Protein backbone atom coordinates (compact mmCIF):
# COMPACT_ATOMS: atom_id res chain seq x y z
CA GLY A 1 119.23 99.98 111.53
CA ASN A 2 116.16 101.23 109.76
CA MET A 3 116.16 98.91 106.94
CA THR A 4 113.93 96.45 105.28
CA ARG A 5 114.85 92.53 104.90
CA LEU A 6 114.07 92.23 101.20
CA ALA A 7 114.85 95.56 99.74
CA LYS A 8 118.12 96.33 101.56
CA CYS A 9 117.35 100.13 101.68
CA PRO A 10 116.02 102.55 104.09
CA ARG A 11 112.27 102.01 104.87
CA ASP A 12 111.44 105.70 104.10
CA PHE A 13 112.90 105.30 100.45
CA MET A 14 111.07 101.78 99.78
CA GLU A 15 107.80 103.52 98.46
CA ALA A 16 109.55 106.03 96.57
CA PRO A 17 109.80 104.25 93.16
CA SER A 18 106.10 103.24 93.04
CA GLN A 19 104.97 106.71 94.26
CA MET A 20 106.80 108.16 91.37
CA LEU A 21 105.67 105.62 88.89
CA GLU A 22 102.15 105.75 89.96
CA ASN A 23 101.95 109.15 88.83
CA TRP A 24 103.91 108.92 85.56
CA CYS A 25 101.72 105.85 84.17
CA TRP A 26 98.77 108.31 83.95
CA ASP A 27 100.28 110.20 81.37
CA LYS A 28 98.79 109.57 77.92
CA LYS A 29 102.21 109.45 76.40
CA ILE A 30 103.38 106.85 78.86
CA LEU A 31 100.40 104.63 78.84
CA LYS A 32 100.73 104.40 74.87
CA LEU A 33 104.32 103.20 75.29
CA MET A 34 103.75 100.80 78.33
CA SER A 35 100.61 99.28 77.26
CA LYS A 36 99.62 96.80 74.78
CA HIS A 37 96.75 94.34 73.92
CA VAL A 38 97.85 90.84 75.26
CA THR A 39 97.11 89.15 71.99
CA THR A 40 97.64 91.62 69.08
CA GLY A 41 100.39 93.65 70.94
CA LYS A 42 98.77 96.84 69.90
CA PRO A 43 98.89 99.76 72.29
CA LEU A 44 95.83 100.72 73.87
CA SER A 45 93.48 103.28 71.62
CA ASP A 46 93.43 107.07 72.50
CA GLU A 47 89.68 106.34 73.44
CA LEU A 48 90.52 103.82 76.04
CA ILE A 49 93.48 105.78 77.39
CA ASP A 50 91.36 108.88 77.73
CA LYS A 51 88.58 106.94 79.61
CA LEU A 52 91.21 105.40 81.97
CA VAL A 53 92.79 108.81 82.64
CA LYS A 54 89.26 110.30 83.34
CA SER A 55 88.73 107.19 85.94
CA ARG A 56 91.81 108.07 87.73
CA PHE A 57 90.34 109.55 91.01
CA VAL A 58 86.75 107.73 90.68
CA ASN A 59 87.33 106.01 93.99
CA ALA A 60 89.01 108.75 96.03
CA SER A 61 85.78 110.29 97.39
CA ILE A 62 84.29 106.82 98.28
CA THR A 63 87.66 106.08 100.22
CA THR A 64 87.50 109.48 102.03
CA LEU A 65 83.99 109.11 103.07
CA ASN A 66 84.56 105.57 104.29
CA ASN A 67 87.43 107.13 106.48
CA ILE A 68 84.89 109.76 107.84
CA PHE A 69 82.35 106.82 108.73
CA LEU A 70 85.30 104.85 110.48
CA SER A 71 86.07 107.79 112.50
CA SER A 72 82.52 108.79 113.18
CA VAL A 73 81.90 105.31 114.57
CA ASP A 74 84.88 105.57 116.66
CA LEU A 75 83.93 108.80 118.14
CA ALA A 76 80.24 107.72 118.86
CA LEU A 77 81.43 104.46 120.41
CA HIS A 78 83.79 106.46 122.73
CA MET A 79 81.30 109.54 123.45
CA THR A 80 78.23 107.60 124.16
CA PRO A 81 78.92 103.96 124.34
CA PRO A 82 76.21 101.76 123.44
CA ASN A 83 74.45 99.45 126.02
CA THR A 84 73.94 96.45 123.99
CA VAL A 85 75.13 95.00 120.74
CA GLU A 86 72.11 95.87 119.23
CA GLU A 87 72.62 99.51 119.81
CA ALA A 88 76.21 99.26 118.53
CA GLN A 89 75.02 97.65 115.33
CA ALA A 90 72.21 100.29 114.85
CA LEU A 91 74.89 102.97 115.10
CA VAL A 92 76.73 101.49 112.30
CA ASP A 93 73.61 100.48 110.21
CA ASN A 94 72.67 104.30 110.69
CA LEU A 95 75.89 106.33 110.15
CA ARG A 96 77.37 104.25 107.09
CA PRO A 97 74.45 105.07 104.60
CA GLU A 98 74.39 108.63 106.04
CA ILE A 99 77.93 109.38 105.68
CA THR A 100 78.97 107.00 102.76
CA MET A 101 75.71 106.94 100.84
CA LEU A 102 76.20 103.08 100.56
CA ALA A 103 73.69 100.65 102.45
CA ASN A 104 75.09 97.93 104.67
CA PRO A 105 75.08 94.46 103.13
CA PRO A 106 72.58 92.32 104.86
CA GLY A 107 74.02 90.52 108.01
CA TRP A 108 77.13 92.82 107.84
CA ASN A 109 78.90 93.09 111.09
CA MET A 110 82.03 95.53 110.64
CA LEU A 111 82.25 95.97 114.45
CA ARG A 112 83.76 92.34 114.87
CA ASN A 113 87.03 93.63 113.18
CA PHE A 114 86.74 97.13 114.18
CA CYS A 115 89.55 98.05 116.90
């Protein structure tokens, strides 16, 4: 059937516990209960918990912009296929900073793994 080998449960349910817990762990009371300093055993301070909670979605926009970038590369490659490797690389080099606001690392060639 539609079961996983290790969890012995339907695939659709396998992610449910982690998805439920990933939201609960951002509650200040829960963080206080489940966190502690590795040496002292004291729970995290209110100040640190507040900082953690505020940072929860800090990378969400970067992930979304990266997905838009990858989709744009895919569309561009199919709509107007480049004639050379250099043209393909130029497409990536221009689109990434324009969409994600992140420059490409020197020598970065994401097209080798882009399928």
